[in-house]
Amino acid sequence: MKAVIDILIIALNLYWWVIIISAVLSWLIAFNVVNYRNQIVAQIDTTLRALTEPVLAPIRRRMPNLGAVDISPIVLLLGIIFIQMVLSYYVRPYVF
């Protein structure tokens, strides 16, 4: 059981980085630092959106409209941190 919890924590860590990279790439595209017409950039953005949008879309629906500011990735990152803390401190000590 400990191995399953460790794998879940590692998967959450990887997803945490996917969200960070997706947010940074969206800023770089929005500020025209990287060219979206570049095929590699477009493919990376499409892949990252496919990985993050199924989780971010429900959060965006429930949050109030803040205009151009999207804080749904921050809410998701806080949720991931909370889940990791629960797994680490409350579930792992009771697994033999």
Foldseek 3Di string as FASTA:
>chain_A
DLVVLVVVLVVLVVVLVLLVVLVVLVVCVVVVVDPCVPPVSVVSNVVSCVSPVVPQVVVVVPDDDPDPDDCSSVVVSVVSVVVNCCSVPPVNVVDD
